[in-house]
């Protein structure tokens, strides 16, 4: 029986790692490099380095830490996803609270693993995400399921806007221009821009139309239609 030749680098799935802890970064890179069918094409210590390198490396999968020096891993995914729409981002972190989980998923991550994952579990997750799945540590998956079991009237943390932010968003929903909002609220145009940026961040949107669409579903908001039964 002939021995099967080892896959060339071109046939192996490229993976990049973004992790600020040097020993962990080295270990992860070695795990990936030794895994059948995968190769490590980049190891980066911060989001800034990843933002510069990943569009060149074009990995199929990225293992992304959250707690990075400077720009966070979640913000890094948010910036990279439009540049690398076919790349699958898997968060690999110590954080297991709902806010981090849902913020990561909202910006485009398709998997969420805790750093206590074993080598075998990590390789299995890489295979799963490349096959179109969304690998998650078991207790993370449970929290995602529980979030869908909350009463519909309870808004998520991302939907909690200040009174002033709600005022600005309501005026946006009514079609007012930025300068008109500034005049009505007796604030400067740069201040309006700041409020709108915060609104976009809290609602995880990137445009006026997306913000207004979410506004109509915020309980208690003016113009809210509330939950509808089909």
C-alpha atoms as a PDB file:
ATOM      1  CA  UNK A   1       0.000   0.000   0.000  1.00  0.00           C
ATOM      2  CA  UNK A   2       1.449   3.343  -1.029  1.00  0.00           C
ATOM      3  CA  UNK A   3       1.946   5.983   1.650  1.00  0.00           C
ATOM      4  CA  UNK A   4      -0.188   9.079   1.118  1.00  0.00           C
ATOM      5  CA  UNK A   5       1.958  12.169   0.437  1.00  0.00           C
ATOM      6  CA  UNK A   6       1.697  15.018   2.945  1.00  0.00           C
ATOM      7  CA  UNK A   7      -0.434  17.916   1.793  1.00  0.00           C
ATOM      8  CA  UNK A   8       1.516  20.850   0.379  1.00  0.00           C
ATOM      9  CA  UNK A   9       1.274  24.223   2.093  1.00  0.00           C
ATOM     10  CA  UNK A  10      -1.020  25.408  -0.688  1.00  0.00           C
ATOM     11  CA  UNK A  11      -3.538  22.673   0.164  1.00  0.00           C
ATOM     12  CA  UNK A  12      -3.472  23.230   3.923  1.00  0.00           C
ATOM     13  CA  UNK A  13      -5.938  25.657   5.517  1.00  0.00           C
ATOM     14  CA  UNK A  14      -4.196  28.910   6.547  1.00  0.00           C
ATOM     15  CA  UNK A  15      -4.712  30.059  10.139  1.00  0.00           C
ATOM     16  CA  UNK A  16      -3.545  33.287  11.811  1.00  0.00           C
ATOM     17  CA  UNK A  17      -3.244  33.838  15.560  1.00  0.00           C
ATOM     18  CA  UNK A  18      -3.671  37.104  17.472  1.00  0.00           C
ATOM     19  CA  UNK A  19      -2.540  36.647  21.092  1.00  0.00           C
ATOM     20  CA  UNK A  20      -0.458  38.990  23.249  1.00  0.00           C
ATOM     21  CA  UNK A  21       0.941  36.316  25.578  1.00  0.00           C
ATOM     22  CA  UNK A  22       4.125  35.096  23.882  1.00  0.00           C
ATOM     23  CA  UNK A  23       4.203  31.525  25.315  1.00  0.00           C
ATOM     24  CA  UNK A  24       0.513  31.011  24.520  1.00  0.00           C
ATOM     25  CA  UNK A  25       1.001  32.442  21.025  1.00  0.00           C
ATOM     26  CA  UNK A  26       3.896  30.091  20.389  1.00  0.00           C
ATOM     27  CA  UNK A  27       2.009  27.065  21.710  1.00  0.00           C
ATOM     28  CA  UNK A  28      -1.077  27.835  19.629  1.00  0.00           C
ATOM     29  CA  UNK A  29       1.058  28.309  16.530  1.00  0.00           C
ATOM     30  CA  UNK A  30       2.744  24.958  17.101  1.00  0.00           C
ATOM     31  CA  UNK A  31      -0.605  23.219  17.640  1.00  0.00           C
ATOM     32  CA  UNK A  32      -1.962  24.630  14.393  1.00  0.00           C
ATOM     33  CA  UNK A  33       1.200  23.936  12.400  1.00  0.00           C
ATOM     34  CA  UNK A  34       1.252  20.282  13.494  1.00  0.00           C
ATOM     35  CA  UNK A  35      -2.468  19.746  12.893  1.00  0.00           C
ATOM     36  CA  UNK A  36      -3.242  17.731   9.737  1.00  0.00           C
ATOM     37  CA  UNK A  37      -4.634  19.967   7.021  1.00  0.00           C
ATOM     38  CA  UNK A  38      -3.756  23.279   8.682  1.00  0.00           C
ATOM     39  CA  UNK A  39      -0.820  25.684   8.644  1.00  0.00           C
ATOM     40  CA  UNK A  40      -0.044  28.753  10.728  1.00  0.00           C
ATOM     41  CA  UNK A  41       0.563  31.752   8.450  1.00  0.00           C
ATOM     42  CA  UNK A  42       0.829  34.464  11.093  1.00  0.00           C
ATOM     43  CA  UNK A  43       1.317  35.042  14.808  1.00  0.00           C
ATOM     44  CA  UNK A  44       0.580  38.558  16.067  1.00  0.00           C
ATOM     45  CA  UNK A  45       0.950  40.116  19.506  1.00  0.00           C
ATOM     46  CA  UNK A  46      -1.567  42.932  19.114  1.00  0.00           C
ATOM     47  CA  UNK A  47      -4.569  44.052  17.092  1.00  0.00           C
ATOM     48  CA  UNK A  48      -2.591  46.799  15.393  1.00  0.00           C
ATOM     49  CA  UNK A  49      -0.169  44.254  13.926  1.00  0.00           C
ATOM     50  CA  UNK A  50      -3.072  42.008  12.902  1.00  0.00           C
ATOM     51  CA  UNK A  51      -4.869  44.861  11.150  1.00  0.00           C
ATOM     52  CA  UNK A  52      -1.792  45.461   9.031  1.00  0.00           C
ATOM     53  CA  UNK A  53      -0.869  41.837   8.342  1.00  0.00           C
ATOM     54  CA  UNK A  54      -4.074  39.823   8.021  1.00  0.00           C
ATOM     55  CA  UNK A  55      -5.325  41.454   4.792  1.00  0.00           C
ATOM     56  CA  UNK A  56      -2.019  40.284   3.279  1.00  0.00           C
ATOM     57  CA  UNK A  57      -1.986  36.834   4.901  1.00  0.00           C
ATOM     58  CA  UNK A  58      -5.644  36.217   3.983  1.00  0.00           C
ATOM     59  CA  UNK A  59      -6.161  33.395   6.506  1.00  0.00           C
ATOM     60  CA  UNK A  60      -9.211  31.170   6.285  1.00  0.00           C
ATOM     61  CA  UNK A  61      -9.476  31.119  10.089  1.00  0.00           C
ATOM     62  CA  UNK A  62      -8.279  33.543  12.763  1.00  0.00           C
ATOM     63  CA  UNK A  63      -7.897  32.702  16.455  1.00  0.00           C
ATOM     64  CA  UNK A  64      -8.445  36.040  18.220  1.00  0.00           C
ATOM     65  CA  UNK A  65      -7.828  36.965  21.844  1.00  0.00           C
ATOM     66  CA  UNK A  66     -10.068  39.680  23.322  1.00  0.00           C
ATOM     67  CA  UNK A  67      -7.906  41.312  25.977  1.00  0.00           C
ATOM     68  CA  UNK A  68      -5.150  42.761  23.783  1.00  0.00           C
ATOM     69  CA  UNK A  69      -2.984  45.810  24.490  1.00  0.00           C
ATOM     70  CA  UNK A  70      -4.398  48.825  22.673  1.00  0.00           C
ATOM     71  CA  UNK A  71      -7.258  47.897  20.343  1.00  0.00           C
ATOM     72  CA  UNK A  72      -9.352  45.020  21.701  1.00  0.00           C
ATOM     73  CA  UNK A  73      -9.860  41.754  19.879  1.00  0.00           C
ATOM     74  CA  UNK A  74     -13.559  42.508  19.418  1.00  0.00           C
ATOM     75  CA  UNK A  75     -12.813  45.855  17.782  1.00  0.00           C
ATOM     76  CA  UNK A  76     -10.142  44.173  15.670  1.00  0.00           C
ATOM     77  CA  UNK A  77     -12.705  41.685  14.323  1.00  0.00           C
ATOM     78  CA  UNK A  78     -15.137  44.519  13.622  1.00  0.00           C
ATOM     79  CA  UNK A  79     -12.525  46.305  11.497  1.00  0.00           C
ATOM     80  CA  UNK A  80     -11.232  43.205   9.733  1.00  0.00           C
ATOM     81  CA  UNK A  81     -14.524  41.524   8.840  1.00  0.00           C
ATOM     82  CA  UNK A  82     -15.366  43.947   5.988  1.00  0.00           C
ATOM     83  CA  UNK A  83     -11.842  43.491   4.603  1.00  0.00           C
ATOM     84  CA  UNK A  84     -11.895  39.694   4.967  1.00  0.00           C
ATOM     85  CA  UNK A  85     -15.550  38.668   4.529  1.00  0.00           C
ATOM     86  CA  UNK A  86     -14.682  35.007   3.865  1.00  0.00           C
ATOM     87  CA  UNK A  87     -12.398  34.671   6.898  1.00  0.00           C
ATOM     88  CA  UNK A  88     -13.833  32.900   9.945  1.00  0.00           C
ATOM     89  CA  UNK A  89     -12.986  34.555  13.284  1.00  0.00           C
ATOM     90  CA  UNK A  90     -12.945  32.429  16.432  1.00  0.00           C
ATOM     91  CA  UNK A  91     -12.496  34.181  19.761  1.00  0.00           C
ATOM     92  CA  UNK A  92     -10.097  32.398  22.113  1.00  0.00           C
ATOM     93  CA  UNK A  93     -10.326  34.101  25.500  1.00  0.00           C
ATOM     94  CA  UNK A  94     -10.741  33.850  29.256  1.00  0.00           C
ATOM     95  CA  UNK A  95     -13.914  35.962  29.206  1.00  0.00           C
ATOM     96  CA  UNK A  96     -17.173  34.038  29.530  1.00  0.00           C
ATOM     97  CA  UNK A  97     -19.624  36.792  30.462  1.00  0.00           C
ATOM     98  CA  UNK A  98     -22.611  37.456  28.169  1.00  0.00           C
ATOM     99  CA  UNK A  99     -21.493  40.981  27.233  1.00  0.00           C
ATOM    100  CA  UNK A 100     -18.173  39.849  25.754  1.00  0.00           C
ATOM    101  CA  UNK A 101     -19.781  36.841  24.085  1.00  0.00           C
ATOM    102  CA  UNK A 102     -22.523  38.775  22.324  1.00  0.00           C
ATOM    103  CA  UNK A 103     -20.350  41.746  21.444  1.00  0.00           C
ATOM    104  CA  UNK A 104     -17.933  39.362  19.731  1.00  0.00           C
ATOM    105  CA  UNK A 105     -20.676  37.544  17.848  1.00  0.00           C
ATOM    106  CA  UNK A 106     -22.301  40.852  16.864  1.00  0.00           C
ATOM    107  CA  UNK A 107     -19.179  42.119  15.085  1.00  0.00           C
ATOM    108  CA  UNK A 108     -18.710  38.933  13.061  1.00  0.00           C
ATOM    109  CA  UNK A 109     -17.067  36.221  15.166  1.00  0.00           C
ATOM    110  CA  UNK A 110     -18.468  32.778  14.341  1.00  0.00           C
ATOM    111  CA  UNK A 111     -16.949  30.871  17.257  1.00  0.00           C
ATOM    112  CA  UNK A 112     -16.105  31.456  20.910  1.00  0.00           C
ATOM    113  CA  UNK A 113     -13.705  29.230  22.839  1.00  0.00           C
ATOM    114  CA  UNK A 114     -12.244  29.520  26.318  1.00  0.00           C
ATOM    115  CA  UNK A 115      -8.490  29.326  26.722  1.00  0.00           C
ATOM    116  CA  UNK A 116      -8.718  26.206  28.836  1.00  0.00           C
ATOM    117  CA  UNK A 117      -9.578  24.325  25.631  1.00  0.00           C
ATOM    118  CA  UNK A 118      -7.369  21.291  24.978  1.00  0.00           C
ATOM    119  CA  UNK A 119      -5.288  20.796  21.841  1.00  0.00           C
ATOM    120  CA  UNK A 120      -7.693  18.149  20.541  1.00  0.00           C
ATOM    121  CA  UNK A 121     -10.687  20.433  21.168  1.00  0.00           C
ATOM    122  CA  UNK A 122      -8.982  23.339  19.413  1.00  0.00           C
ATOM    123  CA  UNK A 123      -8.165  21.306  16.314  1.00  0.00           C
ATOM    124  CA  UNK A 124     -11.706  19.942  16.256  1.00  0.00           C
ATOM    125  CA  UNK A 125     -13.004  23.534  16.470  1.00  0.00           C
ATOM    126  CA  UNK A 126     -10.794  24.572  13.532  1.00  0.00           C
ATOM    127  CA  UNK A 127     -12.187  21.722  11.475  1.00  0.00           C
ATOM    128  CA  UNK A 128     -15.738  22.604  12.499  1.00  0.00           C
ATOM    129  CA  UNK A 129     -15.458  26.293  11.661  1.00  0.00           C
ATOM    130  CA  UNK A 130     -13.840  25.564   8.303  1.00  0.00           C
ATOM    131  CA  UNK A 131     -16.746  23.224   7.533  1.00  0.00           C
ATOM    132  CA  UNK A 132     -19.225  26.038   8.197  1.00  0.00           C
ATOM    133  CA  UNK A 133     -19.941  25.461  11.877  1.00  0.00           C
ATOM    134  CA  UNK A 134     -19.769  27.760  14.881  1.00  0.00           C
ATOM    135  CA  UNK A 135     -17.656  26.093  17.562  1.00  0.00           C
ATOM    136  CA  UNK A 136     -18.253  27.187  21.158  1.00  0.00           C
ATOM    137  CA  UNK A 137     -17.165  25.925  24.531  1.00  0.00           C
ATOM    138  CA  UNK A 138     -20.093  24.078  26.115  1.00  0.00           C
ATOM    139  CA  UNK A 139     -20.842  26.647  28.831  1.00  0.00           C
ATOM    140  CA  UNK A 140     -20.637  29.447  26.252  1.00  0.00           C
ATOM    141  CA  UNK A 141     -23.179  27.653  24.069  1.00  0.00           C
ATOM    142  CA  UNK A 142     -25.445  27.299  27.115  1.00  0.00           C
ATOM    143  CA  UNK A 143     -25.339  31.060  27.727  1.00  0.00           C
ATOM    144  CA  UNK A 144     -26.217  31.729  24.102  1.00  0.00           C
ATOM    145  CA  UNK A 145     -29.204  29.389  24.386  1.00  0.00           C
ATOM    146  CA  UNK A 146     -30.291  31.007  27.668  1.00  0.00           C
ATOM    147  CA  UNK A 147     -30.211  34.446  26.061  1.00  0.00           C
ATOM    148  CA  UNK A 148     -32.890  33.337  23.602  1.00  0.00           C
ATOM    149  CA  UNK A 149     -35.002  32.092  26.488  1.00  0.00           C
ATOM    150  CA  UNK A 150     -35.184  35.515  28.179  1.00  0.00           C
ATOM    151  CA  UNK A 151     -38.563  37.304  28.060  1.00  0.00           C
ATOM    152  CA  UNK A 152     -38.784  39.337  24.875  1.00  0.00           C
ATOM    153  CA  UNK A 153     -39.372  42.577  26.783  1.00  0.00           C
ATOM    154  CA  UNK A 154     -35.898  42.511  28.384  1.00  0.00           C
ATOM    155  CA  UNK A 155     -33.502  44.527  26.196  1.00  0.00           C
ATOM    156  CA  UNK A 156     -29.872  43.459  25.889  1.00  0.00           C
ATOM    157  CA  UNK A 157     -27.081  45.581  27.342  1.00  0.00           C
ATOM    158  CA  UNK A 158     -26.261  46.817  23.862  1.00  0.00           C
ATOM    159  CA  UNK A 159     -29.722  48.376  23.599  1.00  0.00           C
ATOM    160  CA  UNK A 160     -29.368  50.534  26.717  1.00  0.00           C
ATOM    161  CA  UNK A 161     -29.007  54.126  25.594  1.00  0.00           C
ATOM    162  CA  UNK A 162     -28.834  57.239  27.735  1.00  0.00           C
ATOM    163  CA  UNK A 163     -31.743  59.683  27.720  1.00  0.00           C
ATOM    164  CA  UNK A 164     -29.808  62.092  25.502  1.00  0.00           C
ATOM    165  CA  UNK A 165     -28.796  59.325  23.112  1.00  0.00           C
ATOM    166  CA  UNK A 166     -32.453  58.301  22.806  1.00  0.00           C
ATOM    167  CA  UNK A 167     -33.360  61.908  22.023  1.00  0.00           C
ATOM    168  CA  UNK A 168     -30.763  62.044  19.248  1.00  0.00           C
ATOM    169  CA  UNK A 169     -31.859  58.675  17.874  1.00  0.00           C
ATOM    170  CA  UNK A 170     -35.509  59.675  17.919  1.00  0.00           C
ATOM    171  CA  UNK A 171     -34.696  62.785  15.865  1.00  0.00           C
ATOM    172  CA  UNK A 172     -32.662  60.639  13.453  1.00  0.00           C
ATOM    173  CA  UNK A 173     -35.685  58.369  13.096  1.00  0.00           C
ATOM    174  CA  UNK A 174     -37.834  61.390  12.277  1.00  0.00           C
ATOM    175  CA  UNK A 175     -35.500  62.348   9.436  1.00  0.00           C
ATOM    176  CA  UNK A 176     -33.726  65.369  10.923  1.00  0.00           C
ATOM    177  CA  UNK A 177     -30.260  66.291   9.610  1.00  0.00           C
ATOM    178  CA  UNK A 178     -27.290  66.404  11.981  1.00  0.00           C
ATOM    179  CA  UNK A 179     -27.185  70.211  11.963  1.00  0.00           C
ATOM    180  CA  UNK A 180     -30.932  70.345  12.678  1.00  0.00           C
ATOM    181  CA  UNK A 181     -30.499  67.994  15.628  1.00  0.00           C
ATOM    182  CA  UNK A 182     -27.747  70.241  16.957  1.00  0.00           C
ATOM    183  CA  UNK A 183     -30.018  73.286  16.715  1.00  0.00           C
ATOM    184  CA  UNK A 184     -33.018  71.566  18.320  1.00  0.00           C
ATOM    185  CA  UNK A 185     -31.010  70.187  21.249  1.00  0.00           C
ATOM    186  CA  UNK A 186     -28.841  73.344  21.512  1.00  0.00           C
ATOM    187  CA  UNK A 187     -25.592  71.390  21.224  1.00  0.00           C
ATOM    188  CA  UNK A 188     -22.704  71.593  18.776  1.00  0.00           C
ATOM    189  CA  UNK A 189     -22.472  69.574  15.585  1.00  0.00           C
ATOM    190  CA  UNK A 190     -19.343  67.689  16.861  1.00  0.00           C
ATOM    191  CA  UNK A 191     -21.325  66.750  19.985  1.00  0.00           C
ATOM    192  CA  UNK A 192     -24.080  65.326  17.786  1.00  0.00           C
ATOM    193  CA  UNK A 193     -21.440  63.300  15.937  1.00  0.00           C
ATOM    194  CA  UNK A 194     -20.153  61.969  19.262  1.00  0.00           C
ATOM    195  CA  UNK A 195     -23.651  60.902  20.372  1.00  0.00           C
ATOM    196  CA  UNK A 196     -24.276  59.188  17.044  1.00  0.00           C
ATOM    197  CA  UNK A 197     -20.970  57.320  17.232  1.00  0.00           C
ATOM    198  CA  UNK A 198     -21.887  56.069  20.719  1.00  0.00           C
ATOM    199  CA  UNK A 199     -25.350  55.053  19.506  1.00  0.00           C
ATOM    200  CA  UNK A 200     -23.831  53.054  16.647  1.00  0.00           C
ATOM    201  CA  UNK A 201     -21.416  51.339  19.052  1.00  0.00           C
ATOM    202  CA  UNK A 202     -24.134  50.416  21.575  1.00  0.00           C
ATOM    203  CA  UNK A 203     -26.529  49.155  18.914  1.00  0.00           C
ATOM    204  CA  UNK A 204     -23.750  47.449  16.921  1.00  0.00           C
ATOM    205  CA  UNK A 205     -24.750  49.141  13.665  1.00  0.00           C
ATOM    206  CA  UNK A 206     -22.868  51.056  10.993  1.00  0.00           C
ATOM    207  CA  UNK A 207     -25.469  53.294   9.401  1.00  0.00           C
ATOM    208  CA  UNK A 208     -28.398  55.597  10.131  1.00  0.00           C
ATOM    209  CA  UNK A 209     -30.890  53.190   8.572  1.00  0.00           C
ATOM    210  CA  UNK A 210     -29.674  50.286  10.735  1.00  0.00           C
ATOM    211  CA  UNK A 211     -29.843  52.428  13.886  1.00  0.00           C
ATOM    212  CA  UNK A 212     -33.377  53.582  13.085  1.00  0.00           C
ATOM    213  CA  UNK A 213     -34.451  49.991  12.368  1.00  0.00           C
ATOM    214  CA  UNK A 214     -33.256  48.903  15.802  1.00  0.00           C
ATOM    215  CA  UNK A 215     -34.777  52.005  17.401  1.00  0.00           C
ATOM    216  CA  UNK A 216     -38.262  50.913  16.390  1.00  0.00           C
ATOM    217  CA  UNK A 217     -37.799  47.714  18.413  1.00  0.00           C
ATOM    218  CA  UNK A 218     -36.458  49.278  21.624  1.00  0.00           C
ATOM    219  CA  UNK A 219     -39.141  48.843  24.323  1.00  0.00           C
ATOM    220  CA  UNK A 220     -40.441  52.197  25.479  1.00  0.00           C
ATOM    221  CA  UNK A 221     -38.983  54.155  22.587  1.00  0.00           C
ATOM    222  CA  UNK A 222     -41.163  56.660  20.793  1.00  0.00           C
ATOM    223  CA  UNK A 223     -42.474  54.967  17.673  1.00  0.00           C
ATOM    224  CA  UNK A 224     -41.716  51.484  18.976  1.00  0.00           C
ATOM    225  CA  UNK A 225     -44.082  48.924  17.577  1.00  0.00           C
ATOM    226  CA  UNK A 226     -43.314  46.450  20.341  1.00  0.00           C
ATOM    227  CA  UNK A 227     -43.334  42.690  19.875  1.00  0.00           C
ATOM    228  CA  UNK A 228     -45.613  41.407  17.172  1.00  0.00           C
ATOM    229  CA  UNK A 229     -47.138  37.950  16.832  1.00  0.00           C
ATOM    230  CA  UNK A 230     -47.230  36.385  13.403  1.00  0.00           C
END
